[in-house]
């Protein structure tokens, strides 16, 4: 299945939820998985984004639905990025150079 990177930042409501109950952060991955994808990794980050999730999803439509569900909950604002493995990327570059 395709791998996606989900970068997210807290909304004001999300910050309040974490201040009230820091352990709710562990529930984020479970909530995402309940939407029909697999969370491979979850990281808290410093800088522009608060979290990085590495997600295995069947297709773009599924991850788009997951992103919209996350937005609708009002706690996180996600940015979803599809990925290409380095090997596939190199192969595609090599194929494109053929005459």
PDB file of N, CA and C in Angstrom:
ATOM      1  N   UNK A   1       0.838  -1.190   0.000  1.00  0.00           N
ATOM      2  CA  UNK A   1       0.000   0.000   0.000  1.00  0.00           C
ATOM      3  C   UNK A   1       0.879   1.246   0.000  1.00  0.00           C
ATOM      4  N   UNK A   2       0.363   2.338  -0.522  1.00  0.00           N
ATOM      5  CA  UNK A   2       1.124   3.585  -0.529  1.00  0.00           C
ATOM      6  C   UNK A   2       1.369   4.121   0.888  1.00  0.00           C
ATOM      7  N   UNK A   3       2.484   4.819   1.016  1.00  0.00           N
ATOM      8  CA  UNK A   3       2.847   5.448   2.289  1.00  0.00           C
ATOM      9  C   UNK A   3       2.618   6.950   2.156  1.00  0.00           C
ATOM     10  N   UNK A   4       2.076   7.543   3.203  1.00  0.00           N
ATOM     11  CA  UNK A   4       1.803   8.973   3.253  1.00  0.00           C
ATOM     12  C   UNK A   4       2.435   9.556   4.512  1.00  0.00           C
ATOM     13  N   UNK A   5       2.838  10.801   4.410  1.00  0.00           N
ATOM     14  CA  UNK A   5       3.304  11.557   5.571  1.00  0.00           C
ATOM     15  C   UNK A   5       2.201  12.539   5.926  1.00  0.00           C
ATOM     16  N   UNK A   6       1.790  12.526   7.170  1.00  0.00           N
ATOM     17  CA  UNK A   6       0.771  13.454   7.653  1.00  0.00           C
ATOM     18  C   UNK A   6       1.455  14.387   8.648  1.00  0.00           C
ATOM     19  N   UNK A   7       1.628  15.635   8.247  1.00  0.00           N
ATOM     20  CA  UNK A   7       2.175  16.663   9.128  1.00  0.00           C
ATOM     21  C   UNK A   7       0.986  17.401   9.733  1.00  0.00           C
ATOM     22  N   UNK A   8       1.034  17.658  11.024  1.00  0.00           N
ATOM     23  CA  UNK A   8      -0.119  18.337  11.612  1.00  0.00           C
ATOM     24  C   UNK A   8       0.296  19.321  12.693  1.00  0.00           C
ATOM     25  N   UNK A   9      -0.555  20.324  12.846  1.00  0.00           N
ATOM     26  CA  UNK A   9      -0.403  21.315  13.899  1.00  0.00           C
ATOM     27  C   UNK A   9      -1.674  21.325  14.729  1.00  0.00           C
ATOM     28  N   UNK A  10      -1.514  21.705  15.988  1.00  0.00           N
ATOM     29  CA  UNK A  10      -2.672  21.812  16.867  1.00  0.00           C
ATOM     30  C   UNK A  10      -3.509  23.031  16.526  1.00  0.00           C
ATOM     31  N   UNK A  11      -4.803  22.892  16.658  1.00  0.00           N
ATOM     32  CA  UNK A  11      -5.684  24.053  16.687  1.00  0.00           C
ATOM     33  C   UNK A  11      -5.678  24.563  18.129  1.00  0.00           C
ATOM     34  N   UNK A  12      -6.321  25.682  18.361  1.00  0.00           N
ATOM     35  CA  UNK A  12      -6.437  26.202  19.731  1.00  0.00           C
ATOM     36  C   UNK A  12      -7.118  25.171  20.630  1.00  0.00           C
ATOM     37  N   UNK A  13      -8.160  24.531  20.112  1.00  0.00           N
ATOM     38  CA  UNK A  13      -8.872  23.511  20.878  1.00  0.00           C
ATOM     39  C   UNK A  13      -7.973  22.313  21.174  1.00  0.00           C
ATOM     40  N   UNK A  14      -7.108  21.967  20.235  1.00  0.00           N
ATOM     41  CA  UNK A  14      -6.174  20.857  20.432  1.00  0.00           C
ATOM     42  C   UNK A  14      -5.182  21.147  21.538  1.00  0.00           C
ATOM     43  N   UNK A  15      -4.675  22.363  21.580  1.00  0.00           N
ATOM     44  CA  UNK A  15      -3.741  22.756  22.638  1.00  0.00           C
ATOM     45  C   UNK A  15      -4.432  22.642  23.995  1.00  0.00           C
ATOM     46  N   UNK A  16      -5.659  23.133  24.089  1.00  0.00           N
ATOM     47  CA  UNK A  16      -6.396  23.046  25.351  1.00  0.00           C
ATOM     48  C   UNK A  16      -6.614  21.596  25.769  1.00  0.00           C
ATOM     49  N   UNK A  17      -6.927  20.732  24.819  1.00  0.00           N
ATOM     50  CA  UNK A  17      -7.147  19.316  25.127  1.00  0.00           C
ATOM     51  C   UNK A  17      -5.887  18.669  25.682  1.00  0.00           C
ATOM     52  N   UNK A  18      -4.739  18.999  25.118  1.00  0.00           N
ATOM     53  CA  UNK A  18      -3.478  18.415  25.576  1.00  0.00           C
ATOM     54  C   UNK A  18      -3.087  18.956  26.950  1.00  0.00           C
ATOM     55  N   UNK A  19      -3.343  20.225  27.174  1.00  0.00           N
ATOM     56  CA  UNK A  19      -3.046  20.797  28.495  1.00  0.00           C
ATOM     57  C   UNK A  19      -3.899  20.109  29.557  1.00  0.00           C
ATOM     58  N   UNK A  20      -5.171  19.862  29.238  1.00  0.00           N
ATOM     59  CA  UNK A  20      -6.064  19.197  30.186  1.00  0.00           C
ATOM     60  C   UNK A  20      -5.736  17.719  30.366  1.00  0.00           C
ATOM     61  N   UNK A  21      -5.258  17.058  29.301  1.00  0.00           N
ATOM     62  CA  UNK A  21      -5.016  15.614  29.348  1.00  0.00           C
ATOM     63  C   UNK A  21      -3.890  15.239  28.378  1.00  0.00           C
ATOM     64  N   UNK A  22      -2.622  15.370  28.811  1.00  0.00           N
ATOM     65  CA  UNK A  22      -1.496  15.087  27.911  1.00  0.00           C
ATOM     66  C   UNK A  22      -1.502  13.671  27.328  1.00  0.00           C
ATOM     67  N   UNK A  23      -2.044  12.717  28.050  1.00  0.00           N
ATOM     68  CA  UNK A  23      -2.038  11.340  27.534  1.00  0.00           C
ATOM     69  C   UNK A  23      -2.971  11.169  26.331  1.00  0.00           C
ATOM     70  N   UNK A  24      -3.792  12.167  26.035  1.00  0.00           N
ATOM     71  CA  UNK A  24      -4.653  12.080  24.855  1.00  0.00           C
ATOM     72  C   UNK A  24      -3.832  12.028  23.576  1.00  0.00           C
ATOM     73  N   UNK A  25      -2.570  12.442  23.659  1.00  0.00           N
ATOM     74  CA  UNK A  25      -1.692  12.373  22.491  1.00  0.00           C
ATOM     75  C   UNK A  25      -1.531  10.940  21.996  1.00  0.00           C
ATOM     76  N   UNK A  26      -1.574   9.972  22.899  1.00  0.00           N
ATOM     77  CA  UNK A  26      -1.462   8.567  22.497  1.00  0.00           C
ATOM     78  C   UNK A  26      -2.679   8.108  21.704  1.00  0.00           C
ATOM     79  N   UNK A  27      -3.774   8.787  21.883  1.00  0.00           N
ATOM     80  CA  UNK A  27      -5.010   8.396  21.211  1.00  0.00           C
ATOM     81  C   UNK A  27      -5.075   8.872  19.761  1.00  0.00           C
ATOM     82  N   UNK A  28      -4.217   9.801  19.389  1.00  0.00           N
ATOM     83  CA  UNK A  28      -4.266  10.348  18.034  1.00  0.00           C
ATOM     84  C   UNK A  28      -4.071   9.245  17.001  1.00  0.00           C
ATOM     85  N   UNK A  29      -3.045   8.413  17.189  1.00  0.00           N
ATOM     86  CA  UNK A  29      -2.796   7.332  16.224  1.00  0.00           C
ATOM     87  C   UNK A  29      -3.951   6.348  16.189  1.00  0.00           C
ATOM     88  N   UNK A  30      -4.509   6.029  17.354  1.00  0.00           N
ATOM     89  CA  UNK A  30      -5.646   5.097  17.388  1.00  0.00           C
ATOM     90  C   UNK A  30      -6.845   5.685  16.651  1.00  0.00           C
ATOM     91  N   UNK A  31      -7.078   6.982  16.834  1.00  0.00           N
ATOM     92  CA  UNK A  31      -8.182   7.643  16.122  1.00  0.00           C
ATOM     93  C   UNK A  31      -7.962   7.595  14.613  1.00  0.00           C
ATOM     94  N   UNK A  32      -6.736   7.838  14.191  1.00  0.00           N
ATOM     95  CA  UNK A  32      -6.422   7.798  12.770  1.00  0.00           C
ATOM     96  C   UNK A  32      -6.619   6.383  12.231  1.00  0.00           C
ATOM     97  N   UNK A  33      -6.144   5.383  12.965  1.00  0.00           N
ATOM     98  CA  UNK A  33      -6.291   3.992  12.511  1.00  0.00           C
ATOM     99  C   UNK A  33      -7.757   3.575  12.435  1.00  0.00           C
ATOM    100  N   UNK A  34      -8.573   4.103  13.313  1.00  0.00           N
ATOM    101  CA  UNK A  34     -10.007   3.791  13.275  1.00  0.00           C
ATOM    102  C   UNK A  34     -10.680   4.319  12.010  1.00  0.00           C
ATOM    103  N   UNK A  35      -9.966   5.158  11.258  1.00  0.00           N
ATOM    104  CA  UNK A  35     -10.481   5.681   9.990  1.00  0.00           C
ATOM    105  C   UNK A  35     -10.090   4.795   8.807  1.00  0.00           C
ATOM    106  N   UNK A  36      -9.424   3.662   9.085  1.00  0.00           N
ATOM    107  CA  UNK A  36      -9.162   2.689   8.031  1.00  0.00           C
ATOM    108  C   UNK A  36      -7.766   2.671   7.435  1.00  0.00           C
ATOM    109  N   UNK A  37      -6.797   3.230   8.155  1.00  0.00           N
ATOM    110  CA  UNK A  37      -5.413   3.208   7.693  1.00  0.00           C
ATOM    111  C   UNK A  37      -4.534   2.647   8.813  1.00  0.00           C
ATOM    112  N   UNK A  38      -3.261   2.460   8.524  1.00  0.00           N
ATOM    113  CA  UNK A  38      -2.322   1.982   9.534  1.00  0.00           C
ATOM    114  C   UNK A  38      -1.286   3.066   9.800  1.00  0.00           C
ATOM    115  N   UNK A  39      -1.132   3.421  11.065  1.00  0.00           N
ATOM    116  CA  UNK A  39      -0.095   4.382  11.449  1.00  0.00           C
ATOM    117  C   UNK A  39       1.172   3.583  11.725  1.00  0.00           C
ATOM    118  N   UNK A  40       2.191   3.818  10.913  1.00  0.00           N
ATOM    119  CA  UNK A  40       3.458   3.099  11.058  1.00  0.00           C
ATOM    120  C   UNK A  40       4.354   3.740  12.104  1.00  0.00           C
ATOM    121  N   UNK A  41       4.331   5.068  12.169  1.00  0.00           N
ATOM    122  CA  UNK A  41       5.138   5.819  13.127  1.00  0.00           C
ATOM    123  C   UNK A  41       4.417   7.104  13.485  1.00  0.00           C
ATOM    124  N   UNK A  42       4.673   7.588  14.715  1.00  0.00           N
ATOM    125  CA  UNK A  42       4.152   8.887  15.145  1.00  0.00           C
ATOM    126  C   UNK A  42       5.263   9.589  15.905  1.00  0.00           C
ATOM    127  N   UNK A  43       5.503  10.840  15.546  1.00  0.00           N
ATOM    128  CA  UNK A  43       6.531  11.626  16.214  1.00  0.00           C
ATOM    129  C   UNK A  43       5.975  12.993  16.584  1.00  0.00           C
ATOM    130  N   UNK A  44       6.366  13.482  17.750  1.00  0.00           N
ATOM    131  CA  UNK A  44       6.152  14.881  18.087  1.00  0.00           C
ATOM    132  C   UNK A  44       7.367  15.625  17.558  1.00  0.00           C
ATOM    133  N   UNK A  45       7.150  16.810  16.998  1.00  0.00           N
ATOM    134  CA  UNK A  45       8.246  17.556  16.402  1.00  0.00           C
ATOM    135  C   UNK A  45       8.283  18.980  16.936  1.00  0.00           C
ATOM    136  N   UNK A  46       9.422  19.595  16.787  1.00  0.00           N
ATOM    137  CA  UNK A  46       9.604  20.994  17.138  1.00  0.00           C
ATOM    138  C   UNK A  46       9.680  21.778  15.832  1.00  0.00           C
ATOM    139  N   UNK A  47       9.091  22.933  15.818  1.00  0.00           N
ATOM    140  CA  UNK A  47       9.141  23.733  14.601  1.00  0.00           C
ATOM    141  C   UNK A  47       7.755  24.008  14.061  1.00  0.00           C
ATOM    142  N   UNK A  48       7.645  24.039  12.748  1.00  0.00           N
ATOM    143  CA  UNK A  48       6.406  24.436  12.085  1.00  0.00           C
ATOM    144  C   UNK A  48       5.258  23.462  12.334  1.00  0.00           C
ATOM    145  N   UNK A  49       5.567  22.169  12.491  1.00  0.00           N
ATOM    146  CA  UNK A  49       4.533  21.156  12.706  1.00  0.00           C
ATOM    147  C   UNK A  49       4.700  20.524  14.078  1.00  0.00           C
ATOM    148  N   UNK A  50       3.592  20.138  14.679  1.00  0.00           N
ATOM    149  CA  UNK A  50       3.613  19.526  16.005  1.00  0.00           C
ATOM    150  C   UNK A  50       3.789  18.016  15.953  1.00  0.00           C
ATOM    151  N   UNK A  51       3.306  17.382  14.873  1.00  0.00           N
ATOM    152  CA  UNK A  51       3.371  15.923  14.757  1.00  0.00           C
ATOM    153  C   UNK A  51       3.666  15.496  13.337  1.00  0.00           C
ATOM    154  N   UNK A  52       4.301  14.340  13.234  1.00  0.00           N
ATOM    155  CA  UNK A  52       4.490  13.654  11.968  1.00  0.00           C
ATOM    156  C   UNK A  52       3.962  12.238  12.154  1.00  0.00           C
ATOM    157  N   UNK A  53       3.063  11.844  11.280  1.00  0.00           N
ATOM    158  CA  UNK A  53       2.574  10.467  11.245  1.00  0.00           C
ATOM    159  C   UNK A  53       2.976   9.866   9.903  1.00  0.00           C
ATOM    160  N   UNK A  54       3.509   8.665   9.951  1.00  0.00           N
ATOM    161  CA  UNK A  54       3.802   7.913   8.738  1.00  0.00           C
ATOM    162  C   UNK A  54       2.677   6.895   8.615  1.00  0.00           C
ATOM    163  N   UNK A  55       1.924   6.983   7.518  1.00  0.00           N
ATOM    164  CA  UNK A  55       0.680   6.234   7.383  1.00  0.00           C
ATOM    165  C   UNK A  55       0.695   5.351   6.146  1.00  0.00           C
ATOM    166  N   UNK A  56       0.207   4.145   6.319  1.00  0.00           N
ATOM    167  CA  UNK A  56       0.006   3.198   5.222  1.00  0.00           C
ATOM    168  C   UNK A  56      -1.491   3.212   4.915  1.00  0.00           C
ATOM    169  N   UNK A  57      -1.834   3.611   3.696  1.00  0.00           N
ATOM    170  CA  UNK A  57      -3.245   3.704   3.299  1.00  0.00           C
ATOM    171  C   UNK A  57      -3.425   3.085   1.920  1.00  0.00           C
ATOM    172  N   UNK A  58      -4.612   2.578   1.624  1.00  0.00           N
ATOM    173  CA  UNK A  58      -4.813   1.911   0.344  1.00  0.00           C
ATOM    174  C   UNK A  58      -4.721   2.812  -0.883  1.00  0.00           C
ATOM    175  N   UNK A  59      -5.105   4.096  -0.739  1.00  0.00           N
ATOM    176  CA  UNK A  59      -5.129   4.958  -1.920  1.00  0.00           C
ATOM    177  C   UNK A  59      -5.301   6.415  -1.512  1.00  0.00           C
ATOM    178  N   UNK A  60      -5.179   7.308  -2.489  1.00  0.00           N
ATOM    179  CA  UNK A  60      -5.308   8.746  -2.238  1.00  0.00           C
ATOM    180  C   UNK A  60      -6.680   9.120  -1.693  1.00  0.00           C
ATOM    181  N   UNK A  61      -7.706   8.461  -2.181  1.00  0.00           N
ATOM    182  CA  UNK A  61      -9.067   8.776  -1.730  1.00  0.00           C
ATOM    183  C   UNK A  61      -9.242   8.485  -0.242  1.00  0.00           C
ATOM    184  N   UNK A  62      -8.661   7.384   0.214  1.00  0.00           N
ATOM    185  CA  UNK A  62      -8.767   7.035   1.633  1.00  0.00           C
ATOM    186  C   UNK A  62      -8.042   8.048   2.499  1.00  0.00           C
ATOM    187  N   UNK A  63      -6.824   8.409   2.114  1.00  0.00           N
ATOM    188  CA  UNK A  63      -6.070   9.360   2.926  1.00  0.00           C
ATOM    189  C   UNK A  63      -6.706  10.750   2.872  1.00  0.00           C
ATOM    190  N   UNK A  64      -7.347  11.095   1.770  1.00  0.00           N
ATOM    191  CA  UNK A  64      -8.070  12.369   1.688  1.00  0.00           C
ATOM    192  C   UNK A  64      -9.231  12.376   2.681  1.00  0.00           C
ATOM    193  N   UNK A  65      -9.944  11.250   2.759  1.00  0.00           N
ATOM    194  CA  UNK A  65     -11.045  11.139   3.727  1.00  0.00           C
ATOM    195  C   UNK A  65     -10.520  11.238   5.153  1.00  0.00           C
ATOM    196  N   UNK A  66      -9.392  10.572   5.433  1.00  0.00           N
ATOM    197  CA  UNK A  66      -8.780  10.636   6.763  1.00  0.00           C
ATOM    198  C   UNK A  66      -8.430  12.078   7.106  1.00  0.00           C
ATOM    199  N   UNK A  67      -7.821  12.783   6.175  1.00  0.00           N
ATOM    200  CA  UNK A  67      -7.450  14.182   6.414  1.00  0.00           C
ATOM    201  C   UNK A  67      -8.674  15.037   6.719  1.00  0.00           C
ATOM    202  N   UNK A  68      -9.751  14.840   5.955  1.00  0.00           N
ATOM    203  CA  UNK A  68     -10.967  15.620   6.190  1.00  0.00           C
ATOM    204  C   UNK A  68     -11.604  15.285   7.536  1.00  0.00           C
ATOM    205  N   UNK A  69     -11.562  14.023   7.918  1.00  0.00           N
ATOM    206  CA  UNK A  69     -12.090  13.622   9.235  1.00  0.00           C
ATOM    207  C   UNK A  69     -11.288  14.295  10.352  1.00  0.00           C
ATOM    208  N   UNK A  70      -9.974  14.353  10.186  1.00  0.00           N
ATOM    209  CA  UNK A  70      -9.127  14.994  11.197  1.00  0.00           C
ATOM    210  C   UNK A  70      -9.468  16.475  11.299  1.00  0.00           C
ATOM    211  N   UNK A  71      -9.612  17.134  10.167  1.00  0.00           N
ATOM    212  CA  UNK A  71      -9.981  18.555  10.164  1.00  0.00           C
ATOM    213  C   UNK A  71     -11.324  18.750  10.858  1.00  0.00           C
ATOM    214  N   UNK A  72     -12.294  17.888  10.555  1.00  0.00           N
ATOM    215  CA  UNK A  72     -13.641  18.022  11.109  1.00  0.00           C
ATOM    216  C   UNK A  72     -13.657  17.895  12.629  1.00  0.00           C
ATOM    217  N   UNK A  73     -12.715  17.176  13.186  1.00  0.00           N
ATOM    218  CA  UNK A  73     -12.666  17.006  14.646  1.00  0.00           C
ATOM    219  C   UNK A  73     -12.181  18.258  15.357  1.00  0.00           C
ATOM    220  N   UNK A  74     -11.519  19.151  14.630  1.00  0.00           N
ATOM    221  CA  UNK A  74     -11.166  20.454  15.180  1.00  0.00           C
ATOM    222  C   UNK A  74      -9.967  20.491  16.112  1.00  0.00           C
ATOM    223  N   UNK A  75      -9.180  19.432  16.174  1.00  0.00           N
ATOM    224  CA  UNK A  75      -8.037  19.406  17.092  1.00  0.00           C
ATOM    225  C   UNK A  75      -6.715  19.590  16.345  1.00  0.00           C
ATOM    226  N   UNK A  76      -6.640  19.033  15.141  1.00  0.00           N
ATOM    227  CA  UNK A  76      -5.425  19.117  14.345  1.00  0.00           C
ATOM    228  C   UNK A  76      -5.725  19.698  12.963  1.00  0.00           C
ATOM    229  N   UNK A  77      -4.727  20.377  12.414  1.00  0.00           N
ATOM    230  CA  UNK A  77      -4.782  20.826  11.019  1.00  0.00           C
ATOM    231  C   UNK A  77      -3.702  20.038  10.273  1.00  0.00           C
ATOM    232  N   UNK A  78      -4.105  19.106   9.396  1.00  0.00           N
ATOM    233  CA  UNK A  78      -3.114  18.265   8.731  1.00  0.00           C
ATOM    234  C   UNK A  78      -2.675  18.781   7.366  1.00  0.00           C
ATOM    235  N   UNK A  79      -1.490  18.358   6.993  1.00  0.00           N
ATOM    236  CA  UNK A  79      -0.979  18.492   5.640  1.00  0.00           C
ATOM    237  C   UNK A  79      -0.550  17.088   5.239  1.00  0.00           C
ATOM    238  N   UNK A  80      -1.143  16.549   4.190  1.00  0.00           N
ATOM    239  CA  UNK A  80      -0.887  15.172   3.793  1.00  0.00           C
ATOM    240  C   UNK A  80      -0.008  15.143   2.553  1.00  0.00           C
ATOM    241  N   UNK A  81       1.045  14.334   2.616  1.00  0.00           N
ATOM    242  CA  UNK A  81       1.995  14.224   1.512  1.00  0.00           C
ATOM    243  C   UNK A  81       2.108  12.778   1.061  1.00  0.00           C
ATOM    244  N   UNK A  82       1.844  12.500  -0.221  1.00  0.00           N
ATOM    245  CA  UNK A  82       2.110  11.157  -0.731  1.00  0.00           C
ATOM    246  C   UNK A  82       3.623  10.982  -0.856  1.00  0.00           C
ATOM    247  N   UNK A  83       4.086   9.742  -0.762  1.00  0.00           N
ATOM    248  CA  UNK A  83       5.515   9.489  -0.870  1.00  0.00           C
ATOM    249  C   UNK A  83       5.822   8.551  -2.025  1.00  0.00           C
ATOM    250  N   UNK A  84       7.069   8.561  -2.440  1.00  0.00           N
ATOM    251  CA  UNK A  84       7.598   7.628  -3.427  1.00  0.00           C
ATOM    252  C   UNK A  84       8.886   7.083  -2.829  1.00  0.00           C
ATOM    253  N   UNK A  85       9.034   5.764  -2.794  1.00  0.00           N
ATOM    254  CA  UNK A  85      10.272   5.202  -2.255  1.00  0.00           C
ATOM    255  C   UNK A  85      11.451   5.676  -3.099  1.00  0.00           C
ATOM    256  N   UNK A  86      12.592   5.751  -2.493  1.00  0.00           N
ATOM    257  CA  UNK A  86      13.781   6.202  -3.208  1.00  0.00           C
ATOM    258  C   UNK A  86      14.080   5.289  -4.388  1.00  0.00           C
ATOM    259  N   UNK A  87      13.952   3.989  -4.204  1.00  0.00           N
ATOM    260  CA  UNK A  87      14.212   3.058  -5.308  1.00  0.00           C
ATOM    261  C   UNK A  87      13.265   3.295  -6.474  1.00  0.00           C
ATOM    262  N   UNK A  88      11.996   3.473  -6.184  1.00  0.00           N
ATOM    263  CA  UNK A  88      11.032   3.753  -7.251  1.00  0.00           C
ATOM    264  C   UNK A  88      11.324   5.096  -7.925  1.00  0.00           C
ATOM    265  N   UNK A  89      11.708   6.064  -7.123  1.00  0.00           N
ATOM    266  CA  UNK A  89      12.020   7.394  -7.653  1.00  0.00           C
ATOM    267  C   UNK A  89      13.214   7.323  -8.608  1.00  0.00           C
ATOM    268  N   UNK A  90      14.266   6.625  -8.180  1.00  0.00           N
ATOM    269  CA  UNK A  90      15.453   6.473  -9.020  1.00  0.00           C
ATOM    270  C   UNK A  90      15.111   5.706 -10.293  1.00  0.00           C
ATOM    271  N   UNK A  91      14.326   4.648 -10.161  1.00  0.00           N
ATOM    272  CA  UNK A  91      13.919   3.876 -11.337  1.00  0.00           C
ATOM    273  C   UNK A  91      13.160   4.745 -12.320  1.00  0.00           C
ATOM    274  N   UNK A  92      12.260   5.562 -11.817  1.00  0.00           N
ATOM    275  CA  UNK A  92      11.465   6.438 -12.689  1.00  0.00           C
ATOM    276  C   UNK A  92      12.366   7.452 -13.381  1.00  0.00           C
ATOM    277  N   UNK A  93      13.336   7.994 -12.664  1.00  0.00           N
ATOM    278  CA  UNK A  93      14.265   8.941 -13.283  1.00  0.00           C
ATOM    279  C   UNK A  93      15.078   8.262 -14.364  1.00  0.00           C
ATOM    280  N   UNK A  94      15.492   7.038 -14.122  1.00  0.00           N
ATOM    281  CA  UNK A  94      16.277   6.295 -15.101  1.00  0.00           C
ATOM    282  C   UNK A  94      15.450   5.987 -16.331  1.00  0.00           C
ATOM    283  N   UNK A  95      14.184   5.612 -16.129  1.00  0.00           N
ATOM    284  CA  UNK A  95      13.309   5.323 -17.261  1.00  0.00           C
ATOM    285  C   UNK A  95      13.037   6.551 -18.118  1.00  0.00           C
ATOM    286  N   UNK A  96      12.886   7.684 -17.456  1.00  0.00           N
ATOM    287  CA  UNK A  96      12.585   8.922 -18.175  1.00  0.00           C
ATOM    288  C   UNK A  96      13.772   9.409 -19.006  1.00  0.00           C
ATOM    289  N   UNK A  97      14.970   8.935 -18.748  1.00  0.00           N
ATOM    290  CA  UNK A  97      16.151   9.382 -19.476  1.00  0.00           C
ATOM    291  C   UNK A  97      16.402   8.552 -20.737  1.00  0.00           C
ATOM    292  N   UNK A  98      15.682   7.445 -20.865  1.00  0.00           N
ATOM    293  CA  UNK A  98      15.880   6.597 -22.034  1.00  0.00           C
ATOM    294  C   UNK A  98      15.347   7.293 -23.287  1.00  0.00           C
ATOM    295  N   UNK A  99      16.080   7.145 -24.413  1.00  0.00           N
ATOM    296  CA  UNK A  99      15.625   7.788 -25.664  1.00  0.00           C
ATOM    297  C   UNK A  99      14.386   7.155 -26.229  1.00  0.00           C
TER     298      UNK A  99
END
